[in-house]
Amino acid sequence: MDKKTAGISSAMKEKIAPKSFIKNPINGTKYTIAISSAKGGVGKSTFAINLAISLKKLGSKVGILDADIYGPSLPKMMKINEKPESDGKSMSPIEKYGLQCMSIGFLVDEETPMIWRGPMVTSAIKTFTQKVLWKNLDFIIIDMPPGTGDTQLTFSQEIKIDGAVIISTPQEIALLDVKRGIKMFDKLGVKIVGLIDNMSHFEGDDGKKYNIFGDGGVEKVAKEFGKNFLGKIPINSDIGRTADNGKPLVEENPDHKISKLYLELAKKIKSSFL
C-alpha cells in the first residue's frame, strides 16, 4: 500500500471509528427504528410503511419519517398531496391512516429533483428530527435512503436510534451491500434488530415456489454476522398495486396473507423493544 492509499485508508477509519457521541432522541417519540437496505430497489420503503401500519394495528402510536431526500416515496405510497402546517419555526406532521407522516416530498412538487450536496441533506434531516412536532409516539419508523453516506452518519452519530432493521433480497449483489450496512451500524454502535428477506420467492398459480433472486442468502448473512433473521416476504403483485394506489396493503386488506406476514414481523420487532 503506497503512502497516498494508506492516508485515505487512515482517514476513512477515523471518520467512522466508534466514538462516544451525544445522541439526542427525537422529541415526542419513545423508540426510533431505522429501516435500512444499503442497496436500492429491494422494497425498503414498502416494508417501512407496511411495518408502521402493522405496529399501529397492534395498538401502538406510530409515525414515519421519509429520510430519503433524493428519492422520497411516502407521498405517493400514502397518497398525500398536502403540505404540512408550519409557523415558521416548526412543522406539524401530516396524519394519514392513523400515522403521523413527514417527507421532503410534502414540501416540493412530485417531479422536482433535489439537487443538493451533503450539508443540505444533513440540514434537512436535522429539521425533520428536531423541528417537527411529533406527538406522543411509541415508535417512529425512519425510512432510510440506500447507501452508507451522510444521512446514515447523521442519524447514527447524532440521533438516538434504538434499532435498525435491514431489508434485502437474496440476490448476491444486494447481499454485498447488506454486509457493508451491517458493518457500518456495528462500527457506529447502532443495534441491529434483525434482517428481512424481501421478495424471497414467487408463488405460482400451481402452488410452487420460484426463487427468482436466489434462496437463503439473507439468512446465511444473518448467521455469518451473528444477527437475528426475522423472516421472509414473498413477491406478490398486491403489494406493488396497493403502494401505487396510495393505500398500503396492510391498511387496505389486513387479512391478506402478506399482511399477516407483516403483522407477525411487527410483533417480533415490537417485542425486541418492550
C-alpha atoms as a PDB file:
ATOM      1  CA  MET A   1       0.000   0.000   0.000  1.00  0.00           C
ATOM      2  CA  ASP A   2       1.522   3.382  -1.022  1.00  0.00           C
ATOM      3  CA  LYS A   3       1.531   6.435   1.234  1.00  0.00           C
ATOM      4  CA  LYS A   4      -1.391   8.069  -0.575  1.00  0.00           C
ATOM      5  CA  THR A   5      -3.606   4.990  -0.266  1.00  0.00           C
ATOM      6  CA  ALA A   6      -2.562   4.494   3.343  1.00  0.00           C
ATOM      7  CA  GLY A   7      -3.553   8.087   4.103  1.00  0.00           C
ATOM      8  CA  ILE A   8      -7.003   7.620   2.575  1.00  0.00           C
ATOM      9  CA  SER A   9      -7.495   4.368   4.485  1.00  0.00           C
ATOM     10  CA  SER A  10      -6.462   6.016   7.753  1.00  0.00           C
ATOM     11  CA  ALA A  11      -8.828   8.953   7.189  1.00  0.00           C
ATOM     12  CA  MET A  12     -11.754   6.625   6.442  1.00  0.00           C
ATOM     13  CA  LYS A  13     -11.151   4.591   9.584  1.00  0.00           C
ATOM     14  CA  GLU A  14     -11.007   7.747  11.675  1.00  0.00           C
ATOM     15  CA  LYS A  15     -14.231   9.046  10.145  1.00  0.00           C
ATOM     16  CA  ILE A  16     -16.342   6.055  11.119  1.00  0.00           C
ATOM     17  CA  ALA A  17     -14.498   4.814  14.186  1.00  0.00           C
ATOM     18  CA  PRO A  18     -16.763   4.274  17.216  1.00  0.00           C
ATOM     19  CA  LYS A  19     -16.952   7.334  19.473  1.00  0.00           C
ATOM     20  CA  SER A  20     -18.981   8.462  22.463  1.00  0.00           C
ATOM     21  CA  PHE A  21     -21.492  10.587  20.586  1.00  0.00           C
ATOM     22  CA  ILE A  22     -24.139  12.578  22.407  1.00  0.00           C
ATOM     23  CA  LYS A  23     -27.256  11.221  20.706  1.00  0.00           C
ATOM     24  CA  ASN A  24     -30.495  13.136  21.056  1.00  0.00           C
ATOM     25  CA  PRO A  25     -33.838  11.330  20.955  1.00  0.00           C
ATOM     26  CA  ILE A  26     -36.475  12.674  18.601  1.00  0.00           C
ATOM     27  CA  ASN A  27     -38.872  14.789  20.679  1.00  0.00           C
ATOM     28  CA  GLY A  28     -42.329  13.312  21.073  1.00  0.00           C
ATOM     29  CA  THR A  29     -41.179   9.756  20.409  1.00  0.00           C
ATOM     30  CA  LYS A  30     -40.282   6.771  22.557  1.00  0.00           C
ATOM     31  CA  TYR A  31     -38.470   4.387  20.183  1.00  0.00           C
ATOM     32  CA  THR A  32     -36.770   5.135  16.876  1.00  0.00           C
ATOM     33  CA  ILE A  33     -36.456   2.287  14.346  1.00  0.00           C
ATOM     34  CA  ALA A  34     -34.379   2.771  11.200  1.00  0.00           C
ATOM     35  CA  ILE A  35     -35.351   0.703   8.162  1.00  0.00           C
ATOM     36  CA  SER A  36     -32.220   0.303   6.074  1.00  0.00           C
ATOM     37  CA  SER A  37     -31.232  -1.575   2.962  1.00  0.00           C
ATOM     38  CA  ALA A  38     -27.849  -0.192   1.847  1.00  0.00           C
ATOM     39  CA  LYS A  39     -28.975  -1.375  -1.617  1.00  0.00           C
ATOM     40  CA  GLY A  40     -31.709   0.428  -3.518  1.00  0.00           C
ATOM     41  CA  GLY A  41     -34.672  -1.324  -5.113  1.00  0.00           C
ATOM     42  CA  VAL A  42     -35.149  -4.070  -2.536  1.00  0.00           C
ATOM     43  CA  GLY A  43     -38.527  -2.890  -1.194  1.00  0.00           C
ATOM     44  CA  LYS A  44     -37.331  -0.968   1.844  1.00  0.00           C
ATOM     45  CA  SER A  45     -39.917   1.834   1.651  1.00  0.00           C
ATOM     46  CA  THR A  46     -42.746  -0.640   1.079  1.00  0.00           C
ATOM     47  CA  PHE A  47     -41.628  -2.568   4.141  1.00  0.00           C
ATOM     48  CA  ALA A  48     -41.240   0.587   6.259  1.00  0.00           C
ATOM     49  CA  ILE A  49     -44.768   1.804   5.515  1.00  0.00           C
ATOM     50  CA  ASN A  50     -46.447  -1.562   5.996  1.00  0.00           C
ATOM     51  CA  LEU A  51     -44.473  -2.110   9.217  1.00  0.00           C
ATOM     52  CA  ALA A  52     -45.652   1.267  10.516  1.00  0.00           C
ATOM     53  CA  ILE A  53     -49.272   0.399   9.770  1.00  0.00           C
ATOM     54  CA  SER A  54     -48.826  -3.061  11.315  1.00  0.00           C
ATOM     55  CA  LEU A  55     -47.475  -1.554  14.533  1.00  0.00           C
ATOM     56  CA  LYS A  56     -50.460   0.796  14.565  1.00  0.00           C
ATOM     57  CA  LYS A  57     -52.813  -2.172  14.230  1.00  0.00           C
ATOM     58  CA  LEU A  58     -51.024  -3.764  17.200  1.00  0.00           C
ATOM     59  CA  GLY A  59     -52.100  -0.793  19.310  1.00  0.00           C
ATOM     60  CA  SER A  60     -49.039   1.483  19.121  1.00  0.00           C
ATOM     61  CA  LYS A  61     -48.945   5.173  18.238  1.00  0.00           C
ATOM     62  CA  VAL A  62     -46.679   5.374  15.196  1.00  0.00           C
ATOM     63  CA  GLY A  63     -45.034   7.946  12.966  1.00  0.00           C
ATOM     64  CA  ILE A  64     -42.996   7.524   9.791  1.00  0.00           C
ATOM     65  CA  LEU A  65     -40.229   9.806   8.577  1.00  0.00           C
ATOM     66  CA  ASP A  66     -39.178   9.507   4.955  1.00  0.00           C
ATOM     67  CA  ALA A  67     -35.441  10.268   5.224  1.00  0.00           C
ATOM     68  CA  ASP A  68     -34.692   9.586   1.558  1.00  0.00           C
ATOM     69  CA  ILE A  69     -34.167  13.183   0.462  1.00  0.00           C
ATOM     70  CA  TYR A  70     -33.239  12.356  -3.133  1.00  0.00           C
ATOM     71  CA  GLY A  71     -35.982   9.795  -3.729  1.00  0.00           C
ATOM     72  CA  PRO A  72     -38.931  10.259  -1.337  1.00  0.00           C
ATOM     73  CA  SER A  73     -41.598   7.549  -1.622  1.00  0.00           C
ATOM     74  CA  LEU A  74     -44.005   8.391   1.191  1.00  0.00           C
ATOM     75  CA  PRO A  75     -46.198  10.954  -0.643  1.00  0.00           C
ATOM     76  CA  LYS A  76     -47.019   8.524  -3.470  1.00  0.00           C
ATOM     77  CA  MET A  77     -47.346   5.393  -1.339  1.00  0.00           C
ATOM     78  CA  MET A  78     -49.622   7.122   1.189  1.00  0.00           C
ATOM     79  CA  LYS A  79     -51.382   9.356  -1.378  1.00  0.00           C
ATOM     80  CA  ILE A  80     -50.556  12.567   0.477  1.00  0.00           C
ATOM     81  CA  ASN A  81     -50.721  15.715  -1.654  1.00  0.00           C
ATOM     82  CA  GLU A  82     -50.953  18.406   1.014  1.00  0.00           C
ATOM     83  CA  LYS A  83     -48.201  20.451   2.644  1.00  0.00           C
ATOM     84  CA  PRO A  84     -47.562  20.320   6.404  1.00  0.00           C
ATOM     85  CA  GLU A  85     -48.672  23.246   8.548  1.00  0.00           C
ATOM     86  CA  SER A  86     -45.838  25.473   9.747  1.00  0.00           C
ATOM     87  CA  ASP A  87     -45.458  28.544  11.952  1.00  0.00           C
ATOM     88  CA  GLY A  88     -42.031  29.341  10.520  1.00  0.00           C
ATOM     89  CA  LYS A  89     -40.229  27.616  13.389  1.00  0.00           C
ATOM     90  CA  SER A  90     -41.737  24.129  13.421  1.00  0.00           C
ATOM     91  CA  MET A  91     -43.932  21.866  11.307  1.00  0.00           C
ATOM     92  CA  SER A  92     -46.772  19.515  12.146  1.00  0.00           C
ATOM     93  CA  PRO A  93     -46.708  16.003  10.679  1.00  0.00           C
ATOM     94  CA  ILE A  94     -49.492  15.067   8.291  1.00  0.00           C
ATOM     95  CA  GLU A  95     -51.791  12.347   9.608  1.00  0.00           C
ATOM     96  CA  LYS A  96     -52.926   9.557   7.278  1.00  0.00           C
ATOM     97  CA  TYR A  97     -54.238   6.067   8.053  1.00  0.00           C
ATOM     98  CA  GLY A  98     -53.587   6.735  11.741  1.00  0.00           C
ATOM     99  CA  LEU A  99     -49.885   7.513  11.188  1.00  0.00           C
ATOM    100  CA  GLN A 100     -48.012  10.778  11.683  1.00  0.00           C
ATOM    101  CA  CYS A 101     -46.031  11.340   8.457  1.00  0.00           C
ATOM    102  CA  MET A 102     -43.249  13.615   7.242  1.00  0.00           C
ATOM    103  CA  SER A 103     -41.276  13.715   3.980  1.00  0.00           C
ATOM    104  CA  ILE A 104     -39.315  16.215   1.905  1.00  0.00           C
ATOM    105  CA  GLY A 105     -41.771  15.173  -0.801  1.00  0.00           C
ATOM    106  CA  PHE A 106     -44.512  17.087   1.040  1.00  0.00           C
ATOM    107  CA  LEU A 107     -42.602  20.338   0.502  1.00  0.00           C
ATOM    108  CA  VAL A 108     -41.769  20.124  -3.207  1.00  0.00           C
ATOM    109  CA  ASP A 109     -43.551  19.106  -6.388  1.00  0.00           C
ATOM    110  CA  GLU A 110     -43.552  15.380  -7.139  1.00  0.00           C
ATOM    111  CA  GLU A 111     -41.116  15.557 -10.054  1.00  0.00           C
ATOM    112  CA  THR A 112     -38.759  18.184  -8.596  1.00  0.00           C
ATOM    113  CA  PRO A 113     -35.223  16.781  -8.291  1.00  0.00           C
ATOM    114  CA  MET A 114     -33.370  17.510  -5.026  1.00  0.00           C
ATOM    115  CA  ILE A 115     -30.011  18.605  -6.417  1.00  0.00           C
ATOM    116  CA  TRP A 116     -28.375  19.036  -3.030  1.00  0.00           C
ATOM    117  CA  ARG A 117     -24.926  18.467  -1.614  1.00  0.00           C
ATOM    118  CA  GLY A 118     -24.392  16.574   1.629  1.00  0.00           C
ATOM    119  CA  PRO A 119     -24.591  19.519   4.079  1.00  0.00           C
ATOM    120  CA  MET A 120     -28.048  20.465   2.773  1.00  0.00           C
ATOM    121  CA  VAL A 121     -29.247  16.886   3.203  1.00  0.00           C
ATOM    122  CA  THR A 122     -27.893  16.857   6.747  1.00  0.00           C
ATOM    123  CA  SER A 123     -29.677  20.143   7.474  1.00  0.00           C
ATOM    124  CA  ALA A 124     -32.977  18.744   6.184  1.00  0.00           C
ATOM    125  CA  ILE A 125     -32.627  15.617   8.347  1.00  0.00           C
ATOM    126  CA  LYS A 126     -31.988  17.744  11.435  1.00  0.00           C
ATOM    127  CA  THR A 127     -35.069  19.835  10.642  1.00  0.00           C
ATOM    128  CA  PHE A 128     -37.258  16.734  10.373  1.00  0.00           C
ATOM    129  CA  THR A 129     -35.952  15.275  13.635  1.00  0.00           C
ATOM    130  CA  GLN A 130     -35.759  18.479  15.701  1.00  0.00           C
ATOM    131  CA  LYS A 131     -38.452  20.814  14.349  1.00  0.00           C
ATOM    132  CA  VAL A 132     -41.350  18.503  13.542  1.00  0.00           C
ATOM    133  CA  LEU A 133     -43.982  18.330  16.277  1.00  0.00           C
ATOM    134  CA  TRP A 134     -44.255  14.568  16.670  1.00  0.00           C
ATOM    135  CA  LYS A 135     -46.948  13.774  19.238  1.00  0.00           C
ATOM    136  CA  ASN A 136     -46.599  11.041  21.875  1.00  0.00           C
ATOM    137  CA  LEU A 137     -45.350   8.304  19.539  1.00  0.00           C
ATOM    138  CA  ASP A 138     -44.477   4.838  20.753  1.00  0.00           C
ATOM    139  CA  PHE A 139     -42.471   4.247  17.567  1.00  0.00           C
ATOM    140  CA  ILE A 140     -41.128   6.412  14.789  1.00  0.00           C
ATOM    141  CA  ILE A 141     -40.117   4.483  11.673  1.00  0.00           C
ATOM    142  CA  ILE A 142     -37.262   6.035   9.681  1.00  0.00           C
ATOM    143  CA  ASP A 143     -37.283   5.077   6.004  1.00  0.00           C
ATOM    144  CA  MET A 144     -33.562   5.451   5.315  1.00  0.00           C
ATOM    145  CA  PRO A 145     -32.077   6.071   1.862  1.00  0.00           C
ATOM    146  CA  PRO A 146     -29.879   3.393   0.297  1.00  0.00           C
ATOM    147  CA  GLY A 147     -26.139   3.547   0.892  1.00  0.00           C
ATOM    148  CA  THR A 148     -23.849   4.340   3.811  1.00  0.00           C
ATOM    149  CA  GLY A 149     -23.493   8.110   3.450  1.00  0.00           C
ATOM    150  CA  ASP A 150     -24.403  11.418   5.050  1.00  0.00           C
ATOM    151  CA  THR A 151     -27.927  10.512   6.163  1.00  0.00           C
ATOM    152  CA  GLN A 152     -26.818   7.280   7.826  1.00  0.00           C
ATOM    153  CA  LEU A 153     -23.939   9.032   9.581  1.00  0.00           C
ATOM    154  CA  THR A 154     -26.148  11.885  10.788  1.00  0.00           C
ATOM    155  CA  PHE A 155     -28.708   9.511  12.288  1.00  0.00           C
ATOM    156  CA  SER A 156     -26.142   7.123  13.768  1.00  0.00           C
ATOM    157  CA  GLN A 157     -23.938   9.809  15.312  1.00  0.00           C
ATOM    158  CA  GLU A 158     -26.399  12.492  16.379  1.00  0.00           C
ATOM    159  CA  ILE A 159     -29.837  10.898  16.752  1.00  0.00           C
ATOM    160  CA  LYS A 160     -30.727   8.146  19.192  1.00  0.00           C
ATOM    161  CA  ILE A 161     -31.654   5.110  17.083  1.00  0.00           C
ATOM    162  CA  ASP A 162     -32.994   2.294  19.230  1.00  0.00           C
ATOM    163  CA  GLY A 163     -32.654  -0.310  16.497  1.00  0.00           C
ATOM    164  CA  ALA A 164     -32.204  -0.882  12.783  1.00  0.00           C
ATOM    165  CA  VAL A 165     -33.957  -3.436  10.588  1.00  0.00           C
ATOM    166  CA  ILE A 166     -32.076  -4.355   7.412  1.00  0.00           C
ATOM    167  CA  ILE A 167     -34.024  -5.305   4.281  1.00  0.00           C
ATOM    168  CA  SER A 168     -32.555  -7.259   1.364  1.00  0.00           C
ATOM    169  CA  THR A 169     -33.417  -9.536  -1.494  1.00  0.00           C
ATOM    170  CA  PRO A 170     -31.493 -12.828  -1.537  1.00  0.00           C
ATOM    171  CA  GLN A 171     -29.558 -11.745  -4.640  1.00  0.00           C
ATOM    172  CA  GLU A 172     -25.764 -11.771  -4.196  1.00  0.00           C
ATOM    173  CA  ILE A 173     -25.302  -8.198  -5.449  1.00  0.00           C
ATOM    174  CA  ALA A 174     -27.764  -6.952  -2.811  1.00  0.00           C
ATOM    175  CA  LEU A 175     -26.127  -9.013  -0.073  1.00  0.00           C
ATOM    176  CA  LEU A 176     -22.767  -7.348  -0.694  1.00  0.00           C
ATOM    177  CA  ASP A 177     -24.311  -4.023   0.299  1.00  0.00           C
ATOM    178  CA  VAL A 178     -26.084  -5.634   3.263  1.00  0.00           C
ATOM    179  CA  LYS A 179     -22.715  -6.711   4.637  1.00  0.00           C
ATOM    180  CA  ARG A 180     -21.448  -3.148   4.301  1.00  0.00           C
ATOM    181  CA  GLY A 181     -24.564  -1.882   6.075  1.00  0.00           C
ATOM    182  CA  ILE A 182     -24.123  -4.331   8.952  1.00  0.00           C
ATOM    183  CA  LYS A 183     -20.503  -3.297   9.415  1.00  0.00           C
ATOM    184  CA  MET A 184     -21.467   0.381   9.315  1.00  0.00           C
ATOM    185  CA  PHE A 185     -24.103   0.047  12.046  1.00  0.00           C
ATOM    186  CA  ASP A 186     -21.772  -2.113  14.162  1.00  0.00           C
ATOM    187  CA  LYS A 187     -18.973   0.454  13.914  1.00  0.00           C
ATOM    188  CA  LEU A 188     -21.343   3.274  14.796  1.00  0.00           C
ATOM    189  CA  GLY A 189     -22.847   1.424  17.752  1.00  0.00           C
ATOM    190  CA  VAL A 190     -26.389   1.021  16.378  1.00  0.00           C
ATOM    191  CA  LYS A 191     -28.280  -2.086  17.463  1.00  0.00           C
ATOM    192  CA  ILE A 192     -29.414  -4.272  14.552  1.00  0.00           C
ATOM    193  CA  VAL A 193     -32.800  -5.780  15.386  1.00  0.00           C
ATOM    194  CA  GLY A 194     -32.578  -8.249  12.510  1.00  0.00           C
ATOM    195  CA  LEU A 195     -32.624  -8.936   8.795  1.00  0.00           C
ATOM    196  CA  ILE A 196     -35.627  -9.402   6.471  1.00  0.00           C
ATOM    197  CA  ASP A 197     -35.544 -11.478   3.275  1.00  0.00           C
ATOM    198  CA  ASN A 198     -37.799  -9.433   0.980  1.00  0.00           C
ATOM    199  CA  MET A 199     -39.029 -10.672  -2.413  1.00  0.00           C
ATOM    200  CA  SER A 200     -37.722 -14.036  -1.235  1.00  0.00           C
ATOM    201  CA  HIS A 201     -39.676 -16.063  -3.801  1.00  0.00           C
ATOM    202  CA  PHE A 202     -42.662 -16.047  -6.105  1.00  0.00           C
ATOM    203  CA  GLU A 203     -45.518 -18.484  -5.616  1.00  0.00           C
ATOM    204  CA  GLY A 204     -47.165 -19.500  -8.896  1.00  0.00           C
ATOM    205  CA  ASP A 205     -50.761 -20.485  -9.520  1.00  0.00           C
ATOM    206  CA  ASP A 206     -49.541 -24.065  -9.391  1.00  0.00           C
ATOM    207  CA  GLY A 207     -48.549 -23.592  -5.751  1.00  0.00           C
ATOM    208  CA  LYS A 208     -44.845 -23.990  -6.482  1.00  0.00           C
ATOM    209  CA  LYS A 209     -42.263 -21.553  -5.117  1.00  0.00           C
ATOM    210  CA  TYR A 210     -39.835 -19.981  -7.564  1.00  0.00           C
ATOM    211  CA  ASN A 211     -36.661 -18.482  -6.082  1.00  0.00           C
ATOM    212  CA  ILE A 212     -36.153 -15.739  -8.651  1.00  0.00           C
ATOM    213  CA  PHE A 213     -33.314 -13.968  -6.827  1.00  0.00           C
ATOM    214  CA  GLY A 214     -31.760 -16.992  -5.138  1.00  0.00           C
ATOM    215  CA  ASP A 215     -32.526 -18.858  -1.942  1.00  0.00           C
ATOM    216  CA  GLY A 216     -31.422 -18.448   1.670  1.00  0.00           C
ATOM    217  CA  GLY A 217     -28.851 -15.717   1.121  1.00  0.00           C
ATOM    218  CA  VAL A 218     -30.205 -13.253   3.684  1.00  0.00           C
ATOM    219  CA  GLU A 219     -30.494 -15.885   6.406  1.00  0.00           C
ATOM    220  CA  LYS A 220     -26.950 -17.022   5.637  1.00  0.00           C
ATOM    221  CA  VAL A 221     -25.613 -13.468   6.043  1.00  0.00           C
ATOM    222  CA  ALA A 222     -27.528 -13.071   9.317  1.00  0.00           C
ATOM    223  CA  LYS A 223     -25.850 -16.198  10.685  1.00  0.00           C
ATOM    224  CA  GLU A 224     -22.450 -15.097   9.379  1.00  0.00           C
ATOM    225  CA  PHE A 225     -22.642 -11.811  11.309  1.00  0.00           C
ATOM    226  CA  GLY A 226     -24.480 -13.149  14.364  1.00  0.00           C
ATOM    227  CA  LYS A 227     -27.684 -11.187  13.710  1.00  0.00           C
ATOM    228  CA  ASN A 228     -31.317 -12.194  14.041  1.00  0.00           C
ATOM    229  CA  PHE A 229     -33.090 -13.430  10.934  1.00  0.00           C
ATOM    230  CA  LEU A 230     -36.640 -12.116  11.257  1.00  0.00           C
ATOM    231  CA  GLY A 231     -38.341 -13.778   8.287  1.00  0.00           C
ATOM    232  CA  LYS A 232     -39.264 -13.775   4.603  1.00  0.00           C
ATOM    233  CA  ILE A 233     -41.736 -11.802   2.500  1.00  0.00           C
ATOM    234  CA  PRO A 234     -42.508 -13.262  -0.937  1.00  0.00           C
ATOM    235  CA  ILE A 235     -43.192 -11.353  -4.142  1.00  0.00           C
ATOM    236  CA  ASN A 236     -46.868 -10.526  -4.536  1.00  0.00           C
ATOM    237  CA  SER A 237     -48.439  -8.184  -7.070  1.00  0.00           C
ATOM    238  CA  ASP A 238     -50.893  -6.831  -4.485  1.00  0.00           C
ATOM    239  CA  ILE A 239     -48.006  -5.226  -2.558  1.00  0.00           C
ATOM    240  CA  GLY A 240     -46.984  -3.098  -5.538  1.00  0.00           C
ATOM    241  CA  ARG A 241     -50.541  -2.381  -6.635  1.00  0.00           C
ATOM    242  CA  THR A 242     -51.632  -1.031  -3.263  1.00  0.00           C
ATOM    243  CA  ALA A 243     -48.448   1.049  -2.906  1.00  0.00           C
ATOM    244  CA  ASP A 244     -49.032   2.621  -6.328  1.00  0.00           C
ATOM    245  CA  ASN A 245     -52.650   3.342  -5.391  1.00  0.00           C
ATOM    246  CA  GLY A 246     -51.618   5.085  -2.179  1.00  0.00           C
ATOM    247  CA  LYS A 247     -53.187   2.686   0.311  1.00  0.00           C
ATOM    248  CA  PRO A 248     -50.629   0.162   1.622  1.00  0.00           C
ATOM    249  CA  LEU A 249     -51.612  -3.497   1.689  1.00  0.00           C
ATOM    250  CA  VAL A 250     -51.865  -3.897   5.486  1.00  0.00           C
ATOM    251  CA  GLU A 251     -54.253  -0.944   5.593  1.00  0.00           C
ATOM    252  CA  GLU A 252     -56.316  -1.993   2.567  1.00  0.00           C
ATOM    253  CA  ASN A 253     -56.573  -5.665   3.424  1.00  0.00           C
ATOM    254  CA  PRO A 254     -55.231  -6.706   6.849  1.00  0.00           C
ATOM    255  CA  ASP A 255     -56.466 -10.276   6.236  1.00  0.00           C
ATOM    256  CA  HIS A 256     -54.313 -10.714   3.121  1.00  0.00           C
ATOM    257  CA  LYS A 257     -51.713 -13.484   3.542  1.00  0.00           C
ATOM    258  CA  ILE A 258     -48.888 -10.964   3.038  1.00  0.00           C
ATOM    259  CA  SER A 259     -50.463  -8.560   5.536  1.00  0.00           C
ATOM    260  CA  LYS A 260     -50.439 -11.350   8.101  1.00  0.00           C
ATOM    261  CA  LEU A 261     -46.693 -11.798   7.495  1.00  0.00           C
ATOM    262  CA  TYR A 262     -46.133  -8.081   8.082  1.00  0.00           C
ATOM    263  CA  LEU A 263     -48.150  -8.256  11.296  1.00  0.00           C
ATOM    264  CA  GLU A 264     -46.109 -11.219  12.559  1.00  0.00           C
ATOM    265  CA  LEU A 265     -42.874  -9.400  11.762  1.00  0.00           C
ATOM    266  CA  ALA A 266     -44.202  -6.293  13.541  1.00  0.00           C
ATOM    267  CA  LYS A 267     -44.875  -8.407  16.652  1.00  0.00           C
ATOM    268  CA  LYS A 268     -41.283  -9.675  16.609  1.00  0.00           C
ATOM    269  CA  ILE A 269     -39.838  -6.192  16.138  1.00  0.00           C
ATOM    270  CA  LYS A 270     -42.096  -4.642  18.789  1.00  0.00           C
ATOM    271  CA  SER A 271     -41.197  -7.338  21.310  1.00  0.00           C
ATOM    272  CA  SER A 272     -37.497  -6.510  20.965  1.00  0.00           C
ATOM    273  CA  PHE A 273     -38.158  -3.083  22.497  1.00  0.00           C
ATOM    274  CA  LEU A 274     -40.656  -3.937  25.229  1.00  0.00           C
END
